[in-house]
PDB file of all heavy atoms in Angstrom:
ATOM      1  N   VAL A   1     146.563  85.887 -17.140  1.00  0.00           N
ATOM      2  CA  VAL A   1     145.885  84.664 -17.255  1.00  0.00           C
ATOM      3  C   VAL A   1     146.067  83.977 -18.641  1.00  0.00           C
ATOM      4  O   VAL A   1     145.687  84.659 -19.559  1.00  0.00           O
ATOM      5  CB  VAL A   1     144.405  84.985 -16.834  1.00  0.00           C
ATOM      6  CG1 VAL A   1     143.670  83.574 -16.842  1.00  0.00           C
ATOM      7  CG2 VAL A   1     144.280  85.595 -15.459  1.00  0.00           C
ATOM      8  N   VAL A   2     146.320  82.775 -18.751  1.00  0.00           N
ATOM      9  CA  VAL A   2     146.440  82.030 -19.768  1.00  0.00           C
ATOM     10  C   VAL A   2     145.398  80.993 -19.794  1.00  0.00           C
ATOM     11  O   VAL A   2     145.188  80.144 -18.837  1.00  0.00           O
ATOM     12  CB  VAL A   2     147.832  81.256 -19.929  1.00  0.00           C
ATOM     13  CG1 VAL A   2     147.812  80.390 -21.221  1.00  0.00           C
ATOM     14  CG2 VAL A   2     148.920  82.354 -20.010  1.00  0.00           C
ATOM     15  N   GLN A   3     144.562  80.879 -20.911  1.00  0.00           N
ATOM     16  CA  GLN A   3     143.539  79.891 -21.075  1.00  0.00           C
ATOM     17  C   GLN A   3     144.259  78.707 -21.646  1.00  0.00           C
ATOM     18  O   GLN A   3     144.745  78.625 -22.716  1.00  0.00           O
ATOM     19  CB  GLN A   3     142.537  80.480 -22.136  1.00  0.00           C
ATOM     20  CG  GLN A   3     141.460  79.460 -22.458  1.00  0.00           C
ATOM     21  CD  GLN A   3     140.192  79.657 -21.652  1.00  0.00           C
ATOM     22  OE1 GLN A   3     139.862  80.639 -21.092  1.00  0.00           O
ATOM     23  NE2 GLN A   3     139.433  78.599 -21.541  1.00  0.00           N
ATOM     24  N   LEU A   4     144.288  77.633 -20.812  1.00  0.00           N
ATOM     25  CA  LEU A   4     144.820  76.316 -21.249  1.00  0.00           C
ATOM     26  C   LEU A   4     143.936  75.598 -22.127  1.00  0.00           C
ATOM     27  O   LEU A   4     142.893  75.245 -21.628  1.00  0.00           O
ATOM     28  CB  LEU A   4     145.314  75.549 -20.051  1.00  0.00           C
ATOM     29  CG  LEU A   4     146.507  76.086 -19.194  1.00  0.00           C
ATOM     30  CD1 LEU A   4     146.710  75.220 -18.049  1.00  0.00           C
ATOM     31  CD2 LEU A   4     147.612  76.260 -20.074  1.00  0.00           C
ATOM     32  N   THR A   5     144.281  75.313 -23.351  1.00  0.00           N
ATOM     33  CA  THR A   5     143.515  74.573 -24.242  1.00  0.00           C
ATOM     34  C   THR A   5     144.073  73.290 -24.636  1.00  0.00           C
ATOM     35  O   THR A   5     143.415  72.451 -25.143  1.00  0.00           O
ATOM     36  CB  THR A   5     143.091  75.322 -25.487  1.00  0.00           C
ATOM     37  OG1 THR A   5     144.296  75.825 -26.038  1.00  0.00           O
ATOM     38  CG2 THR A   5     142.309  76.618 -25.093  1.00  0.00           C
ATOM     39  N   GLU A   6     145.467  73.189 -24.433  1.00  0.00           N
ATOM     40  CA  GLU A   6     146.146  72.009 -24.933  1.00  0.00           C
ATOM     41  C   GLU A   6     147.177  71.728 -23.817  1.00  0.00           C
ATOM     42  O   GLU A   6     147.137  72.314 -22.738  1.00  0.00           O
ATOM     43  CB  GLU A   6     146.999  72.314 -26.238  1.00  0.00           C
ATOM     44  CG  GLU A   6     146.143  72.525 -27.432  1.00  0.00           C
ATOM     45  CD  GLU A   6     145.374  71.252 -27.871  1.00  0.00           C
ATOM     46  OE1 GLU A   6     145.853  70.148 -27.663  1.00  0.00           O
ATOM     47  OE2 GLU A   6     144.186  71.493 -28.425  1.00  0.00           O
ATOM     48  N   HIS A   7     147.986  70.735 -24.153  1.00  0.00           N
ATOM     49  CA  HIS A   7     149.056  70.230 -23.057  1.00  0.00           C
ATOM     50  C   HIS A   7     150.356  70.524 -23.447  1.00  0.00           C
ATOM     51  O   HIS A   7     151.376  69.787 -23.217  1.00  0.00           O
ATOM     52  CB  HIS A   7     148.820  68.701 -22.865  1.00  0.00           C
ATOM     53  CG  HIS A   7     147.478  68.272 -22.460  1.00  0.00           C
ATOM     54  ND1 HIS A   7     147.023  68.605 -21.147  1.00  0.00           N
ATOM     55  CD2 HIS A   7     146.376  67.661 -22.963  1.00  0.00           C
ATOM     56  CE1 HIS A   7     145.750  68.119 -20.995  1.00  0.00           C
ATOM     57  NE2 HIS A   7     145.371  67.599 -22.200  1.00  0.00           N
ATOM     58  N   GLY A   8     150.694  71.818 -24.032  1.00  0.00           N
ATOM     59  CA  GLY A   8     151.950  72.138 -24.377  1.00  0.00           C
ATOM     60  C   GLY A   8     152.796  72.631 -23.100  1.00  0.00           C
ATOM     61  O   GLY A   8     152.260  72.601 -22.082  1.00  0.00           O
ATOM     62  N   SER A   9     153.956  73.084 -23.576  1.00  0.00           N
ATOM     63  CA  SER A   9     154.900  73.523 -22.438  1.00  0.00           C
ATOM     64  C   SER A   9     154.988  75.054 -22.556  1.00  0.00           C
ATOM     65  O   SER A   9     155.194  75.539 -23.695  1.00  0.00           O
ATOM     66  CB  SER A   9     156.227  72.866 -22.523  1.00  0.00           C
ATOM     67  OG  SER A   9     156.170  71.552 -22.177  1.00  0.00           O
ATOM     68  N   GLY A  10     155.118  75.671 -21.436  1.00  0.00           N
ATOM     69  CA  GLY A  10     155.361  77.142 -21.456  1.00  0.00           C
ATOM     70  C   GLY A  10     154.725  77.721 -20.122  1.00  0.00           C
ATOM     71  O   GLY A  10     154.114  76.981 -19.403  1.00  0.00           O
ATOM     72  N   GLY A  11     154.697  79.092 -20.105  1.00  0.00           N
ATOM     73  CA  GLY A  11     154.136  79.687 -18.965  1.00  0.00           C
ATOM     74  C   GLY A  11     153.474  81.043 -19.405  1.00  0.00           C
ATOM     75  O   GLY A  11     153.606  81.366 -20.654  1.00  0.00           O
ATOM     76  N   ARG A  12     152.904  81.652 -18.465  1.00  0.00           N
ATOM     77  CA  ARG A  12     152.265  82.944 -18.979  1.00  0.00           C
ATOM     78  C   ARG A  12     153.224  83.993 -19.434  1.00  0.00           C
ATOM     79  O   ARG A  12     152.841  84.778 -20.267  1.00  0.00           O
ATOM     80  CB  ARG A  12     151.303  83.468 -17.857  1.00  0.00           C
ATOM     81  CG  ARG A  12     152.034  83.737 -16.659  1.00  0.00           C
ATOM     82  CD  ARG A  12     151.135  84.153 -15.384  1.00  0.00           C
ATOM     83  NE  ARG A  12     151.852  84.356 -14.193  1.00  0.00           N
ATOM     84  CZ  ARG A  12     152.128  83.407 -13.331  1.00  0.00           C
ATOM     85  NH1 ARG A  12     151.597  82.272 -13.396  1.00  0.00           N
ATOM     86  NH2 ARG A  12     152.832  83.727 -12.334  1.00  0.00           N
ATOM     87  N   ASN A  13     154.394  84.145 -18.849  1.00  0.00           N
ATOM     88  CA  ASN A  13     155.293  85.066 -19.308  1.00  0.00           C
ATOM     89  C   ASN A  13     155.896  84.762 -20.809  1.00  0.00           C
ATOM     90  O   ASN A  13     155.960  85.620 -21.632  1.00  0.00           O
ATOM     91  CB  ASN A  13     156.482  85.185 -18.349  1.00  0.00           C
ATOM     92  CG  ASN A  13     156.025  85.872 -17.095  1.00  0.00           C
ATOM     93  OD1 ASN A  13     155.668  87.031 -17.005  1.00  0.00           O
ATOM     94  ND2 ASN A  13     155.726  85.056 -16.004  1.00  0.00           N
ATOM     95  N   GLN A  14     156.157  83.449 -21.005  1.00  0.00           N
ATOM     96  CA  GLN A  14     156.580  83.097 -22.332  1.00  0.00           C
ATOM     97  C   GLN A  14     155.370  83.238 -23.301  1.00  0.00           C
ATOM     98  O   GLN A  14     155.799  83.860 -24.446  1.00  0.00           O
ATOM     99  CB  GLN A  14     156.843  81.543 -22.378  1.00  0.00           C
ATOM    100  CG  GLN A  14     158.138  81.196 -21.422  1.00  0.00           C
ATOM    101  CD  GLN A  14     158.155  79.752 -21.181  1.00  0.00           C
ATOM    102  OE1 GLN A  14     158.253  78.945 -22.066  1.00  0.00           O
ATOM    103  NE2 GLN A  14     158.234  79.388 -19.825  1.00  0.00           N
ATOM    104  N   GLU A  15     154.098  83.058 -22.982  1.00  0.00           N
ATOM    105  CA  GLU A  15     153.144  83.252 -23.996  1.00  0.00           C
ATOM    106  C   GLU A  15     153.017  84.783 -24.221  1.00  0.00           C
ATOM    107  O   GLU A  15     152.713  85.187 -25.292  1.00  0.00           O
ATOM    108  CB  GLU A  15     151.784  82.722 -23.411  1.00  0.00           C
ATOM    109  CG  GLU A  15     151.771  81.173 -23.471  1.00  0.00           C
ATOM    110  CD  GLU A  15     150.411  80.628 -23.749  1.00  0.00           C
ATOM    111  OE1 GLU A  15     149.361  81.387 -24.039  1.00  0.00           O
ATOM    112  OE2 GLU A  15     150.336  79.329 -23.574  1.00  0.00           O
ATOM    113  N   LEU A  16     153.073  85.542 -23.181  1.00  0.00           N
ATOM    114  CA  LEU A  16     152.909  87.031 -23.399  1.00  0.00           C
ATOM    115  C   LEU A  16     153.979  87.561 -24.250  1.00  0.00           C
ATOM    116  O   LEU A  16     153.640  88.343 -25.203  1.00  0.00           O
ATOM    117  CB  LEU A  16     153.007  87.687 -21.902  1.00  0.00           C
ATOM    118  CG  LEU A  16     152.481  89.097 -21.933  1.00  0.00           C
ATOM    119  CD1 LEU A  16     152.060  89.442 -20.547  1.00  0.00           C
ATOM    120  CD2 LEU A  16     153.573  90.121 -22.327  1.00  0.00           C
ATOM    121  N   ALA A  17     155.212  87.183 -24.105  1.00  0.00           N
ATOM    122  CA  ALA A  17     156.418  87.654 -24.976  1.00  0.00           C
ATOM    123  C   ALA A  17     155.910  87.167 -26.456  1.00  0.00           C
ATOM    124  O   ALA A  17     156.160  87.923 -27.377  1.00  0.00           O
ATOM    125  CB  ALA A  17     157.651  87.085 -24.367  1.00  0.00           C
ATOM    126  N   LEU A  18     155.744  85.877 -26.576  1.00  0.00           N
ATOM    127  CA  LEU A  18     155.492  85.371 -27.944  1.00  0.00           C
ATOM    128  C   LEU A  18     154.422  86.041 -28.569  1.00  0.00           C
ATOM    129  O   LEU A  18     154.425  86.385 -29.754  1.00  0.00           O
ATOM    130  CB  LEU A  18     155.253  83.873 -27.721  1.00  0.00           C
ATOM    131  CG  LEU A  18     155.170  83.160 -29.102  1.00  0.00           C
ATOM    132  CD1 LEU A  18     156.500  83.337 -29.904  1.00  0.00           C
ATOM    133  CD2 LEU A  18     154.877  81.615 -29.025  1.00  0.00           C
ATOM    134  N   ALA A  19     153.298  86.428 -27.840  1.00  0.00           N
ATOM    135  CA  ALA A  19     152.103  87.038 -28.386  1.00  0.00           C
ATOM    136  C   ALA A  19     152.527  88.450 -29.009  1.00  0.00           C
ATOM    137  O   ALA A  19     151.934  88.887 -29.862  1.00  0.00           O
ATOM    138  CB  ALA A  19     151.052  87.174 -27.249  1.00  0.00           C
ATOM    139  N   ALA A  20     153.590  89.063 -28.393  1.00  0.00           N
ATOM    140  CA  ALA A  20     154.035  90.416 -28.937  1.00  0.00           C
ATOM    141  C   ALA A  20     154.913  90.292 -30.037  1.00  0.00           C
ATOM    142  O   ALA A  20     155.057  91.278 -30.739  1.00  0.00           O
ATOM    143  CB  ALA A  20     154.715  91.157 -27.742  1.00  0.00           C
ATOM    144  N   ALA A  21     155.418  89.107 -30.278  1.00  0.00           N
ATOM    145  CA  ALA A  21     156.501  88.988 -31.393  1.00  0.00           C
ATOM    146  C   ALA A  21     155.949  89.575 -32.806  1.00  0.00           C
ATOM    147  O   ALA A  21     156.709  90.189 -33.427  1.00  0.00           O
ATOM    148  CB  ALA A  21     157.062  87.567 -31.471  1.00  0.00           C
ATOM    149  N   GLU A  22     154.855  89.105 -33.241  1.00  0.00           N
ATOM    150  CA  GLU A  22     154.362  89.376 -34.557  1.00  0.00           C
ATOM    151  C   GLU A  22     154.145  90.906 -34.675  1.00  0.00           C
ATOM    152  O   GLU A  22     154.407  91.551 -35.659  1.00  0.00           O
ATOM    153  CB  GLU A  22     153.054  88.675 -34.852  1.00  0.00           C
ATOM    154  CG  GLU A  22     152.559  88.936 -36.284  1.00  0.00           C
ATOM    155  CD  GLU A  22     151.399  88.095 -36.674  1.00  0.00           C
ATOM    156  OE1 GLU A  22     150.889  87.360 -35.680  1.00  0.00           O
ATOM    157  OE2 GLU A  22     150.880  88.130 -37.816  1.00  0.00           O
ATOM    158  N   GLY A  23     153.595  91.579 -33.536  1.00  0.00           N
ATOM    159  CA  GLY A  23     153.353  93.040 -33.637  1.00  0.00           C
ATOM    160  C   GLY A  23     154.602  93.862 -33.655  1.00  0.00           C
ATOM    161  O   GLY A  23     154.530  95.026 -34.030  1.00  0.00           O
ATOM    162  N   ILE A  24     155.768  93.231 -33.092  1.00  0.00           N
ATOM    163  CA  ILE A  24     156.910  94.080 -33.170  1.00  0.00           C
ATOM    164  C   ILE A  24     157.956  93.720 -34.207  1.00  0.00           C
ATOM    165  O   ILE A  24     158.965  94.289 -34.464  1.00  0.00           O
ATOM    166  CB  ILE A  24     157.694  94.163 -31.759  1.00  0.00           C
ATOM    167  CG1 ILE A  24     158.263  92.818 -31.416  1.00  0.00           C
ATOM    168  CG2 ILE A  24     156.845  94.650 -30.803  1.00  0.00           C
ATOM    169  CD1 ILE A  24     159.196  92.741 -30.280  1.00  0.00           C
ATOM    170  N   ALA A  25     157.498  92.755 -35.185  1.00  0.00           N
ATOM    171  CA  ALA A  25     158.242  92.390 -36.277  1.00  0.00           C
ATOM    172  C   ALA A  25     158.715  93.527 -37.074  1.00  0.00           C
ATOM    173  O   ALA A  25     157.800  94.319 -37.487  1.00  0.00           O
ATOM    174  CB  ALA A  25     157.446  91.288 -37.090  1.00  0.00           C
ATOM    175  N   GLY A  26     159.973  93.679 -37.368  1.00  0.00           N
ATOM    176  CA  GLY A  26     160.409  94.750 -38.151  1.00  0.00           C
ATOM    177  C   GLY A  26     160.756  96.121 -37.461  1.00  0.00           C
ATOM    178  O   GLY A  26     161.389  96.949 -38.042  1.00  0.00           O
ATOM    179  N   LEU A  27     160.401  96.201 -36.194  1.00  0.00           N
ATOM    180  CA  LEU A  27     160.735  97.313 -35.454  1.00  0.00           C
ATOM    181  C   LEU A  27     162.209  97.161 -34.898  1.00  0.00           C
ATOM    182  O   LEU A  27     162.352  96.449 -33.934  1.00  0.00           O
ATOM    183  CB  LEU A  27     159.702  97.524 -34.357  1.00  0.00           C
ATOM    184  CG  LEU A  27     158.300  97.922 -34.604  1.00  0.00           C
ATOM    185  CD1 LEU A  27     157.411  98.088 -33.466  1.00  0.00           C
ATOM    186  CD2 LEU A  27     158.243  99.111 -35.505  1.00  0.00           C
ATOM    187  N   ASP A  28     163.133  97.813 -35.580  1.00  0.00           N
ATOM    188  CA  ASP A  28     164.410  97.498 -35.267  1.00  0.00           C
ATOM    189  C   ASP A  28     165.122  98.002 -33.946  1.00  0.00           C
ATOM    190  O   ASP A  28     166.068  97.631 -33.505  1.00  0.00           O
ATOM    191  CB  ASP A  28     165.410  98.009 -36.357  1.00  0.00           C
ATOM    192  CG  ASP A  28     165.452  99.416 -36.573  1.00  0.00           C
ATOM    193  OD1 ASP A  28     164.523 100.133 -36.003  1.00  0.00           O
ATOM    194  OD2 ASP A  28     166.167  99.951 -37.341  1.00  0.00           O
ATOM    195  N   ASN A  29     164.311  98.745 -33.167  1.00  0.00           N
ATOM    196  CA  ASN A  29     164.734  99.357 -31.912  1.00  0.00           C
ATOM    197  C   ASN A  29     163.901  98.905 -30.789  1.00  0.00           C
ATOM    198  O   ASN A  29     163.939  99.612 -29.739  1.00  0.00           O
ATOM    199  CB  ASN A  29     164.777 100.915 -32.125  1.00  0.00           C
ATOM    200  CG  ASN A  29     163.304 101.465 -32.244  1.00  0.00           C
ATOM    201  OD1 ASN A  29     162.483 100.806 -32.843  1.00  0.00           O
ATOM    202  ND2 ASN A  29     163.133 102.741 -32.052  1.00  0.00           N
ATOM    203  N   VAL A  30     163.174  97.855 -30.813  1.00  0.00           N
ATOM    204  CA  VAL A  30     162.220  97.345 -29.834  1.00  0.00           C
ATOM    205  C   VAL A  30     162.644  96.018 -29.342  1.00  0.00           C
ATOM    206  O   VAL A  30     162.914  95.060 -30.094  1.00  0.00           O
ATOM    207  CB  VAL A  30     160.842  97.360 -30.393  1.00  0.00           C
ATOM    208  CG1 VAL A  30     159.783  96.787 -29.427  1.00  0.00           C
ATOM    209  CG2 VAL A  30     160.423  98.753 -30.782  1.00  0.00           C
ATOM    210  N   LEU A  31     162.546  95.762 -27.979  1.00  0.00           N
ATOM    211  CA  LEU A  31     162.657  94.491 -27.261  1.00  0.00           C
ATOM    212  C   LEU A  31     161.730  94.426 -26.307  1.00  0.00           C
ATOM    213  O   LEU A  31     161.346  95.357 -25.437  1.00  0.00           O
ATOM    214  CB  LEU A  31     164.210  94.488 -26.680  1.00  0.00           C
ATOM    215  CG  LEU A  31     164.477  93.211 -25.968  1.00  0.00           C
ATOM    216  CD1 LEU A  31     165.025  92.135 -27.059  1.00  0.00           C
ATOM    217  CD2 LEU A  31     165.566  93.544 -25.015  1.00  0.00           C
ATOM    218  N   ILE A  32     161.090  93.185 -26.069  1.00  0.00           N
ATOM    219  CA  ILE A  32     160.078  92.982 -25.140  1.00  0.00           C
ATOM    220  C   ILE A  32     160.423  91.743 -24.493  1.00  0.00           C
ATOM    221  O   ILE A  32     160.742  90.630 -24.982  1.00  0.00           O
ATOM    222  CB  ILE A  32     158.711  92.888 -25.617  1.00  0.00           C
ATOM    223  CG1 ILE A  32     158.175  94.128 -26.310  1.00  0.00           C
ATOM    224  CG2 ILE A  32     157.661  92.357 -24.689  1.00  0.00           C
ATOM    225  CD1 ILE A  32     156.805  94.202 -26.899  1.00  0.00           C
ATOM    226  N   PHE A  33     160.421  91.803 -23.059  1.00  0.00           N
ATOM    227  CA  PHE A  33     160.600  90.456 -22.151  1.00  0.00           C
ATOM    228  C   PHE A  33     159.636  90.562 -21.087  1.00  0.00           C
ATOM    229  O   PHE A  33     159.326  91.470 -20.626  1.00  0.00           O
ATOM    230  CB  PHE A  33     162.065  90.279 -21.884  1.00  0.00           C
ATOM    231  CG  PHE A  33     162.557  91.249 -20.989  1.00  0.00           C
ATOM    232  CD1 PHE A  33     162.555  91.054 -19.484  1.00  0.00           C
ATOM    233  CD2 PHE A  33     163.229  92.400 -21.336  1.00  0.00           C
ATOM    234  CE1 PHE A  33     163.156  91.969 -18.657  1.00  0.00           C
ATOM    235  CE2 PHE A  33     163.802  93.247 -20.511  1.00  0.00           C
ATOM    236  CZ  PHE A  33     163.846  93.073 -19.132  1.00  0.00           C
ATOM    237  N   SER A  34     159.259  89.353 -20.637  1.00  0.00           N
ATOM    238  CA  SER A  34     158.400  89.068 -19.571  1.00  0.00           C
ATOM    239  C   SER A  34     158.963  87.970 -18.627  1.00  0.00           C
ATOM    240  O   SER A  34     159.320  86.872 -19.152  1.00  0.00           O
ATOM    241  CB  SER A  34     156.979  88.865 -20.033  1.00  0.00           C
ATOM    242  OG  SER A  34     156.156  88.748 -18.959  1.00  0.00           O
ATOM    243  N   VAL A  35     159.023  88.205 -17.380  1.00  0.00           N
ATOM    244  CA  VAL A  35     159.567  87.288 -16.474  1.00  0.00           C
ATOM    245  C   VAL A  35     158.785  86.936 -15.246  1.00  0.00           C
ATOM    246  O   VAL A  35     158.168  88.045 -14.821  1.00  0.00           O
ATOM    247  CB  VAL A  35     161.154  87.525 -16.202  1.00  0.00           C
ATOM    248  CG1 VAL A  35     162.018  87.530 -17.312  1.00  0.00           C
ATOM    249  CG2 VAL A  35     161.183  88.858 -15.407  1.00  0.00           C
ATOM    250  N   ALA A  36     158.887  85.865 -14.621  1.00  0.00           N
ATOM    251  CA  ALA A  36     158.307  85.681 -13.244  1.00  0.00           C
ATOM    252  C   ALA A  36     159.298  85.904 -12.170  1.00  0.00           C
ATOM    253  O   ALA A  36     160.452  85.467 -12.307  1.00  0.00           O
ATOM    254  CB  ALA A  36     157.860  84.219 -13.174  1.00  0.00           C
ATOM    255  N   SER A  37     159.028  86.535 -11.177  1.00  0.00           N
ATOM    256  CA  SER A  37     159.875  86.910 -10.246  1.00  0.00           C
ATOM    257  C   SER A  37     160.432  85.886  -9.363  1.00  0.00           C
ATOM    258  O   SER A  37     161.635  85.901  -8.773  1.00  0.00           O
ATOM    259  CB  SER A  37     159.385  88.104  -9.130  1.00  0.00           C
ATOM    260  OG  SER A  37     158.170  87.378  -8.447  1.00  0.00           O
ATOM    261  N   ASP A  38     159.739  84.663  -9.316  1.00  0.00           N
ATOM    262  CA  ASP A  38     160.266  83.514  -8.559  1.00  0.00           C
ATOM    263  C   ASP A  38     161.246  82.696  -9.355  1.00  0.00           C
ATOM    264  O   ASP A  38     161.785  81.768  -8.796  1.00  0.00           O
ATOM    265  CB  ASP A  38     159.088  82.801  -7.956  1.00  0.00           C
ATOM    266  CG  ASP A  38     158.304  82.116  -8.988  1.00  0.00           C
ATOM    267  OD1 ASP A  38     158.538  82.386 -10.249  1.00  0.00           O
ATOM    268  OD2 ASP A  38     157.227  81.376  -8.751  1.00  0.00           O
ATOM    269  N   GLY A  39     161.513  83.045 -10.583  1.00  0.00           N
ATOM    270  CA  GLY A  39     162.345  82.226 -11.419  1.00  0.00           C
ATOM    271  C   GLY A  39     161.809  81.022 -12.124  1.00  0.00           C
ATOM    272  O   GLY A  39     162.591  80.285 -12.724  1.00  0.00           O
ATOM    273  N   THR A  40     160.497  80.859 -12.068  1.00  0.00           N
ATOM    274  CA  THR A  40     159.983  79.763 -12.711  1.00  0.00           C
ATOM    275  C   THR A  40     158.576  80.233 -13.511  1.00  0.00           C
ATOM    276  O   THR A  40     157.810  81.054 -12.908  1.00  0.00           O
ATOM    277  CB  THR A  40     159.487  78.533 -11.819  1.00  0.00           C
ATOM    278  OG1 THR A  40     158.653  79.015 -10.764  1.00  0.00           O
ATOM    279  CG2 THR A  40     160.786  77.936 -11.250  1.00  0.00           C
ATOM    280  N   ASP A  41     158.507  79.902 -14.737  1.00  0.00           N
ATOM    281  CA  ASP A  41     157.290  80.271 -15.547  1.00  0.00           C
ATOM    282  C   ASP A  41     156.550  78.986 -16.004  1.00  0.00           C
ATOM    283  O   ASP A  41     157.158  78.177 -16.831  1.00  0.00           O
ATOM    284  CB  ASP A  41     157.772  81.108 -16.755  1.00  0.00           C
ATOM    285  CG  ASP A  41     156.577  81.734 -17.333  1.00  0.00           C
ATOM    286  OD1 ASP A  41     155.541  82.040 -16.788  1.00  0.00           O
ATOM    287  OD2 ASP A  41     156.667  81.905 -18.634  1.00  0.00           O
ATOM    288  N   GLY A  42     155.384  78.682 -15.417  1.00  0.00           N
ATOM    289  CA  GLY A  42     154.748  77.427 -15.755  1.00  0.00           C
ATOM    290  C   GLY A  42     155.657  76.253 -15.160  1.00  0.00           C
ATOM    291  O   GLY A  42     156.301  76.415 -14.254  1.00  0.00           O
TER     292      GLY A  42
END
């Protein structure tokens, strides 16, 4: 669930992936992705 506070562009999967980016910064062997099964995110 994403709390919408502004009128930006994105979807819950994009936000989830982006939220993890700072936490995995520098971990050279880690990759995270999140996708919607229907092919559309937001």
